[in-house]
Amino acid sequence: MKAAIVESVGKVVVGEVPDPAPGPREVVVEVAACGLCGTDLHIRQGEFAPTLPVVPGHEFAGTVVARGREVTGLALGDRVAVDPSLHCHECRQCRAGRGNLCERWAAIGVTTAGGAAQYALAPAANCVRLPEHVRTQDAALIEPLSCAVRGYDVLRSRLGAHVLIYGSGTMGLMMLELAKRTGAASVDVVDLNPGRLATAARLGVSASAAGADELDRPEGWDVVIDATGNAAAIQDGLDRVAKAGTFLQFGVADYATRVTIDPYRIYNQEITITGSMAVLHSYERAAELFASGVLDPEVFISDRLPLEDYPRALDQFAAGLGRKIVVVP
């Protein structure tokens, strides 16, 4: 079958790989669409994936075309979205219910072959059936949405909070949509990309600007979310948290990224700094939210490209062009 392959650090090609065969509790999914995200850039940089080569793609949906002998809950022809999480269920973190922090952490499309291919292998337990009205190609959005849902689980945001989001790419926009639905009094967005700010405005942001200094909230924001992973944005965001507020590191930063904090201010103003890592008990809820129309796929997906264009699509994503880019095998 045809697949995108991260062959070595910085080198991505599209080539032929063996077709997958399901184990007893696995299914083979014919991929309808696979989304790109920041994690894929990290994999290209040689981060996250323990060994290369690897077929990337952890945001995907498709149709079950083969199943293992012990699979009973899925039928051939079922349309599914796939949670890429591969927890060991044995380590201390897993046994405490924190599988996203698994000491043997793995994920489809990161540590094992993923959905940037014609076919992908997945545990049957990781598959969520799609209702009739949800288009399979759109359902690649469920995985990033599940990460955003996990972010709001961490925040435990109270009603009436004033929220500031750094970054209006796909993840920042998803956080915007969820903030509106979790009772935020206002949601402001900062981004250097005018096109992305225009999309935030289209989705009903309270205010948007290229920098927080342009926004009128001198006392700061109750919740500040970084959805960029950029050191300058993170550093600025830490300084914008109001007293008793929370800063959420949601964007994926490079390993080497460093910022400074003011310990006395954190103590004196009771500021919380926290993070949100991937998916945890949030995928099925995200699928239900998606089916209810929490996101408009036509707004969120800016490009649908053939699988052959995966290397170019990755370059386009790295350049900040468009919103969610998906490849269609």
Protein backbone atom coordinates (compact mmCIF):
# COMPACT_ATOMS: atom_id res chain seq x y z
CA MET A 1 0.00 0.00 0.00
CA LYS A 2 0.98 3.65 -0.37
CA ALA A 3 2.00 5.60 2.73
CA ALA A 4 3.86 8.68 3.88
CA ILE A 5 7.10 7.72 5.60
CA VAL A 6 9.36 9.76 7.87
CA GLU A 7 12.51 7.95 6.80
CA SER A 8 15.04 9.93 8.82
CA VAL A 9 15.31 13.29 10.55
CA GLY A 10 14.06 15.91 8.10
CA LYS A 11 13.28 13.41 5.32
CA VAL A 12 9.67 12.57 4.44
CA VAL A 13 8.68 10.56 1.36
CA VAL A 14 5.63 8.79 -0.01
CA GLY A 15 6.29 5.16 -0.91
CA GLU A 16 5.13 1.57 -0.67
CA VAL A 17 4.92 -0.33 2.64
CA PRO A 18 3.39 -3.75 3.45
CA ASP A 19 -0.37 -3.91 3.94
CA PRO A 20 -1.31 -4.29 7.62
CA ALA A 21 -2.83 -7.52 8.94
CA PRO A 22 -5.01 -7.44 12.07
CA GLY A 23 -4.18 -9.26 15.27
CA PRO A 24 -6.95 -10.98 17.26
CA ARG A 25 -8.33 -7.75 18.77
CA GLU A 26 -7.40 -5.37 15.96
CA VAL A 27 -9.01 -3.99 12.82
CA VAL A 28 -7.69 -2.62 9.56
CA VAL A 29 -9.13 0.78 8.67
CA GLU A 30 -9.24 2.06 5.10
CA VAL A 31 -8.30 5.67 5.74
CA ALA A 32 -10.69 8.34 4.47
CA ALA A 33 -8.69 11.31 5.76
CA CYS A 34 -5.71 11.98 8.00
CA GLY A 35 -4.98 15.33 9.63
CA LEU A 36 -1.59 16.96 10.17
CA CYS A 37 -0.56 18.67 13.39
CA GLY A 38 2.43 19.95 15.32
CA THR A 39 3.32 16.49 16.55
CA ASP A 40 4.04 15.49 12.96
CA LEU A 41 6.56 18.31 12.71
CA HIS A 42 8.24 17.05 15.89
CA ILE A 43 8.40 13.55 14.42
CA ARG A 44 10.07 14.97 11.31
CA GLN A 45 12.57 16.67 13.63
CA GLY A 46 13.38 13.32 15.23
CA GLU A 47 11.38 13.93 18.43
CA PHE A 48 8.63 11.77 19.98
CA ALA A 49 9.03 8.73 17.70
CA PRO A 50 11.63 6.45 19.35
CA THR A 51 12.82 5.03 16.02
CA LEU A 52 12.59 5.99 12.38
CA PRO A 53 11.33 5.21 9.81
CA VAL A 54 7.68 5.52 10.84
CA VAL A 55 4.39 6.14 9.04
CA PRO A 56 2.93 9.26 10.72
CA GLY A 57 -0.71 10.21 11.14
CA HIS A 58 -2.51 10.07 14.49
CA GLU A 59 -5.63 12.01 13.42
CA PHE A 60 -7.64 9.77 11.11
CA ALA A 61 -10.95 8.15 10.34
CA GLY A 62 -12.09 5.55 7.83
CA THR A 63 -13.91 2.30 7.20
CA VAL A 64 -13.24 -1.10 8.78
CA VAL A 65 -12.16 -3.48 6.01
CA ALA A 66 -10.66 -6.34 8.03
CA ARG A 67 -10.90 -7.51 11.62
CA GLY A 68 -9.25 -9.98 13.95
CA ARG A 69 -10.92 -13.21 14.97
CA GLU A 70 -11.80 -11.93 18.48
CA VAL A 71 -13.37 -8.64 17.37
CA THR A 72 -17.12 -8.68 17.97
CA GLY A 73 -18.10 -5.05 18.49
CA LEU A 74 -17.24 -3.86 14.98
CA ALA A 75 -18.40 -5.06 11.58
CA LEU A 76 -16.82 -4.78 8.16
CA GLY A 77 -18.03 -1.56 6.61
CA ASP A 78 -18.37 0.33 9.91
CA ARG A 79 -17.17 3.92 9.64
CA VAL A 80 -14.94 4.82 12.59
CA ALA A 81 -12.71 7.47 14.06
CA VAL A 82 -9.62 6.15 15.83
CA ASP A 83 -8.18 7.15 19.18
CA PRO A 84 -4.41 6.80 18.64
CA SER A 85 -3.58 6.24 22.32
CA LEU A 86 -1.70 3.02 23.11
CA HIS A 87 -1.44 2.70 26.88
CA CYS A 88 0.26 -0.25 28.56
CA HIS A 89 -2.41 -0.48 31.34
CA GLU A 90 0.26 -1.88 33.68
CA CYS A 91 2.51 0.99 34.82
CA ARG A 92 1.90 3.18 37.86
CA GLN A 93 0.42 6.02 35.78
CA CYS A 94 -1.96 3.75 33.87
CA ARG A 95 -3.11 2.01 37.04
CA ALA A 96 -3.83 5.44 38.52
CA GLY A 97 -6.02 6.31 35.54
CA ARG A 98 -3.45 8.57 33.87
CA GLY A 99 -2.81 6.62 30.69
CA ASN A 100 -1.76 9.73 28.79
CA LEU A 101 1.29 9.78 31.08
CA CYS A 102 1.99 6.07 30.56
CA GLU A 103 5.57 5.14 31.36
CA ARG A 104 5.61 3.14 28.12
CA TRP A 105 3.73 5.83 26.21
CA ALA A 106 2.97 4.96 22.60
CA ALA A 107 0.55 6.14 19.93
CA ILE A 108 -0.61 5.15 16.47
CA GLY A 109 1.14 7.43 13.98
CA VAL A 110 3.87 8.37 16.46
CA THR A 111 5.53 5.19 17.69
CA THR A 112 3.71 2.76 15.38
CA ALA A 113 2.46 3.07 11.80
CA GLY A 114 -0.35 5.58 11.47
CA GLY A 115 -3.06 6.94 9.24
CA ALA A 116 -1.03 8.80 6.61
CA ALA A 117 -1.55 5.73 4.45
CA GLN A 118 -4.21 3.89 2.50
CA TYR A 119 -4.76 1.50 5.41
CA ALA A 120 -4.01 1.65 9.14
CA LEU A 121 -4.05 -0.86 11.95
CA ALA A 122 -5.88 -0.07 15.21
CA PRO A 123 -7.09 -1.88 18.33
CA ALA A 124 -10.84 -2.43 18.05
CA ALA A 125 -11.20 -0.79 21.47
CA ASN A 126 -9.79 2.45 20.05
CA CYS A 127 -12.45 2.79 17.35
CA VAL A 128 -15.57 4.91 17.74
CA ARG A 129 -18.38 4.35 15.26
CA LEU A 130 -19.62 7.43 13.43
CA PRO A 131 -23.30 8.35 13.15
CA GLU A 132 -24.81 8.57 9.68
CA HIS A 133 -24.78 12.37 9.46
CA VAL A 134 -21.03 12.69 10.15
CA ARG A 135 -18.85 12.56 7.03
CA THR A 136 -15.95 10.17 7.43
CA GLN A 137 -13.43 12.61 5.94
CA ASP A 138 -14.47 15.26 8.48
CA ALA A 139 -14.06 12.91 11.44
CA ALA A 140 -10.28 13.30 11.38
CA LEU A 141 -11.05 16.40 13.48
CA ILE A 142 -12.21 14.28 16.41
CA GLU A 143 -8.70 13.47 17.66
CA PRO A 144 -7.53 17.10 17.98
CA LEU A 145 -10.91 17.95 19.52
CA SER A 146 -10.35 15.21 22.10
CA CYS A 147 -7.06 16.90 23.05
CA ALA A 148 -8.92 20.19 23.51
CA VAL A 149 -11.54 18.45 25.66
CA ARG A 150 -8.71 17.07 27.80
CA GLY A 151 -7.37 20.62 28.12
CA TYR A 152 -10.66 21.81 29.55
CA ASP A 153 -10.75 18.84 31.90
CA VAL A 154 -7.45 20.09 33.32
CA LEU A 155 -8.63 23.69 33.53
CA ARG A 156 -11.86 23.01 35.41
CA SER A 157 -12.76 26.49 34.18
CA ARG A 158 -15.41 28.25 36.22
CA LEU A 159 -18.37 30.09 34.73
CA GLY A 160 -17.79 33.72 33.83
CA ALA A 161 -14.03 33.42 33.30
CA HIS A 162 -12.16 35.80 31.01
CA VAL A 163 -10.01 33.70 28.67
CA LEU A 164 -6.99 34.62 26.55
CA ILE A 165 -5.74 32.20 23.90
CA TYR A 166 -2.37 32.49 22.18
CA GLY A 167 -2.63 31.10 18.65
CA SER A 168 -5.62 30.83 16.33
CA GLY A 169 -4.58 27.78 14.37
CA THR A 170 -6.71 24.66 14.58
CA MET A 171 -6.07 23.99 18.26
CA GLY A 172 -6.47 27.59 19.35
CA LEU A 173 -9.76 27.80 17.47
CA MET A 174 -10.97 24.58 19.07
CA MET A 175 -10.13 25.98 22.50
CA LEU A 176 -12.08 29.10 21.51
CA GLU A 177 -15.14 27.06 20.58
CA LEU A 178 -15.00 25.07 23.82
CA ALA A 179 -14.44 28.20 25.93
CA LYS A 180 -17.62 29.69 24.51
CA ARG A 181 -19.48 26.53 25.49
CA THR A 182 -18.05 26.29 29.01
CA GLY A 183 -19.48 29.61 30.09
CA ALA A 184 -16.60 32.04 29.48
CA ALA A 185 -17.54 35.69 29.95
CA SER A 186 -15.11 36.63 27.17
CA VAL A 187 -12.61 34.89 24.92
CA ASP A 188 -9.76 36.91 23.39
CA VAL A 189 -7.21 35.60 20.90
CA VAL A 190 -3.67 36.72 20.05
CA ASP A 191 -1.95 35.71 16.81
CA LEU A 192 0.54 37.26 14.41
CA ASN A 193 -1.27 35.79 11.39
CA PRO A 194 -4.05 38.14 10.18
CA GLY A 195 -5.75 35.35 8.21
CA ARG A 196 -6.05 33.18 11.29
CA LEU A 197 -7.35 36.11 13.34
CA ALA A 198 -10.01 36.60 10.68
CA THR A 199 -11.16 33.02 11.25
CA ALA A 200 -11.29 33.63 15.01
CA ALA A 201 -13.48 36.67 14.33
CA ARG A 202 -15.71 34.53 12.13
CA LEU A 203 -16.16 32.13 15.05
CA GLY A 204 -17.22 34.90 17.41
CA VAL A 205 -14.11 35.78 19.41
CA SER A 206 -14.63 38.67 21.85
CA ALA A 207 -11.50 40.50 20.71
CA SER A 208 -8.39 39.65 18.72
CA ALA A 209 -5.03 41.29 18.16
CA ALA A 210 -1.42 40.70 17.17
CA GLY A 211 -0.38 41.26 20.79
CA ALA A 212 -1.99 41.26 24.23
CA ASP A 213 -0.99 44.90 24.78
CA GLU A 214 -3.64 45.81 22.19
CA LEU A 215 -6.38 44.23 24.30
CA ASP A 216 -8.11 46.07 27.11
CA ARG A 217 -7.69 43.94 30.21
CA PRO A 218 -5.01 45.49 32.42
CA GLU A 219 -5.89 43.22 35.35
CA GLY A 220 -5.14 40.14 33.23
CA TRP A 221 -7.17 37.07 32.30
CA ASP A 222 -8.53 34.36 34.57
CA VAL A 223 -7.41 31.69 32.10
CA VAL A 224 -4.51 32.02 29.68
CA ILE A 225 -3.97 29.21 27.17
CA ASP A 226 -0.91 28.80 24.99
CA ALA A 227 -1.81 26.92 21.82
CA THR A 228 1.42 27.76 19.98
CA GLY A 229 4.35 26.11 21.75
CA ASN A 230 6.28 29.28 20.92
CA ALA A 231 8.64 30.55 23.63
CA ALA A 232 7.80 34.24 23.12
CA ALA A 233 4.06 33.56 23.30
CA ILE A 234 4.45 31.40 26.40
CA GLN A 235 6.60 33.99 28.14
CA ASP A 236 4.15 36.77 27.37
CA GLY A 237 1.17 34.66 28.39
CA LEU A 238 2.62 33.88 31.81
CA ASP A 239 2.66 37.61 32.51
CA ARG A 240 -1.00 38.04 31.51
CA VAL A 241 -2.54 35.74 34.12
CA ALA A 242 -4.80 37.56 36.59
CA LYS A 243 -4.61 36.99 40.34
CA ALA A 244 -5.81 33.49 41.23
CA GLY A 245 -5.76 32.69 37.50
CA THR A 246 -4.47 29.69 35.56
CA PHE A 247 -1.98 29.32 32.73
CA LEU A 248 -2.41 26.21 30.57
CA GLN A 249 0.46 24.97 28.44
CA PHE A 250 -1.51 23.33 25.66
CA GLY A 251 0.71 23.90 22.60
CA VAL A 252 3.55 21.47 21.94
CA ALA A 253 6.89 23.20 22.44
CA ASP A 254 10.24 22.00 21.17
CA TYR A 255 12.26 20.04 23.73
CA ALA A 256 14.74 22.89 24.04
CA THR A 257 12.17 25.67 24.66
CA ARG A 258 12.77 27.57 27.91
CA VAL A 259 10.96 30.45 29.63
CA THR A 260 11.37 32.14 33.01
CA ILE A 261 8.85 32.40 35.83
CA ASP A 262 8.47 34.74 38.80
CA PRO A 263 8.14 32.43 41.82
CA TYR A 264 7.14 35.23 44.21
CA ARG A 265 4.29 36.33 41.94
CA ILE A 266 3.08 32.74 41.60
CA TYR A 267 3.05 32.46 45.38
CA ASN A 268 1.69 35.90 46.17
CA GLN A 269 -1.08 35.90 43.56
CA GLU A 270 -1.94 32.20 43.82
CA ILE A 271 -1.34 31.56 40.13
CA THR A 272 -1.62 28.03 38.77
CA ILE A 273 0.61 26.82 35.93
CA THR A 274 -0.44 23.52 34.43
CA GLY A 275 -0.25 21.43 31.27
CA SER A 276 -2.43 19.17 29.19
CA MET A 277 -0.99 16.14 27.44
CA ALA A 278 -2.80 14.47 24.52
CA VAL A 279 -5.96 12.43 25.13
CA LEU A 280 -7.33 11.07 28.39
CA HIS A 281 -10.91 9.75 28.75
CA SER A 282 -11.89 12.42 26.24
CA TYR A 283 -12.06 10.79 22.82
CA GLU A 284 -15.61 9.45 22.96
CA ARG A 285 -16.86 12.72 24.46
CA ALA A 286 -15.15 14.59 21.63
CA ALA A 287 -16.84 12.29 19.11
CA GLU A 288 -20.21 13.07 20.67
CA LEU A 289 -19.50 16.80 20.69
CA PHE A 290 -18.40 16.63 17.08
CA ALA A 291 -21.57 14.78 16.10
CA SER A 292 -23.60 17.49 17.88
CA GLY A 293 -22.03 20.17 15.67
CA VAL A 294 -19.63 21.82 18.10
CA LEU A 295 -17.26 22.43 15.15
CA ASP A 296 -17.95 23.37 11.54
CA PRO A 297 -15.61 21.20 9.44
CA GLU A 298 -15.83 23.65 6.54
CA VAL A 299 -14.32 26.34 8.77
CA PHE A 300 -11.71 24.16 10.40
CA ILE A 301 -10.44 22.18 7.40
CA SER A 302 -8.78 24.56 4.97
CA ASP A 303 -7.02 22.04 2.69
CA ARG A 304 -7.79 18.50 1.54
CA LEU A 305 -4.76 17.19 -0.34
CA PRO A 306 -3.93 13.81 -1.89
CA LEU A 307 -1.66 11.52 0.09
CA GLU A 308 1.03 11.96 -2.58
CA ASP A 309 1.35 15.58 -1.42
CA TYR A 310 2.07 14.71 2.22
CA PRO A 311 5.62 16.17 2.25
CA ARG A 312 4.34 19.42 0.71
CA ALA A 313 1.39 19.46 3.10
CA LEU A 314 3.79 19.17 6.04
CA ASP A 315 5.84 22.09 4.70
CA GLN A 316 2.65 24.12 4.26
CA PHE A 317 1.61 23.38 7.82
CA ALA A 318 5.06 24.33 9.14
CA ALA A 319 4.79 27.66 7.32
CA GLY A 320 1.51 28.43 9.09
CA LEU A 321 -0.54 28.45 5.90
CA GLY A 322 -4.17 27.42 6.26
CA ARG A 323 -5.89 25.85 9.22
CA LYS A 324 -6.33 22.08 9.50
CA ILE A 325 -4.72 20.31 6.58
CA VAL A 326 -5.84 16.76 5.84
CA VAL A 327 -4.52 14.27 3.33
CA VAL A 328 -6.97 12.01 1.54
CA PRO A 329 -5.63 8.60 0.46
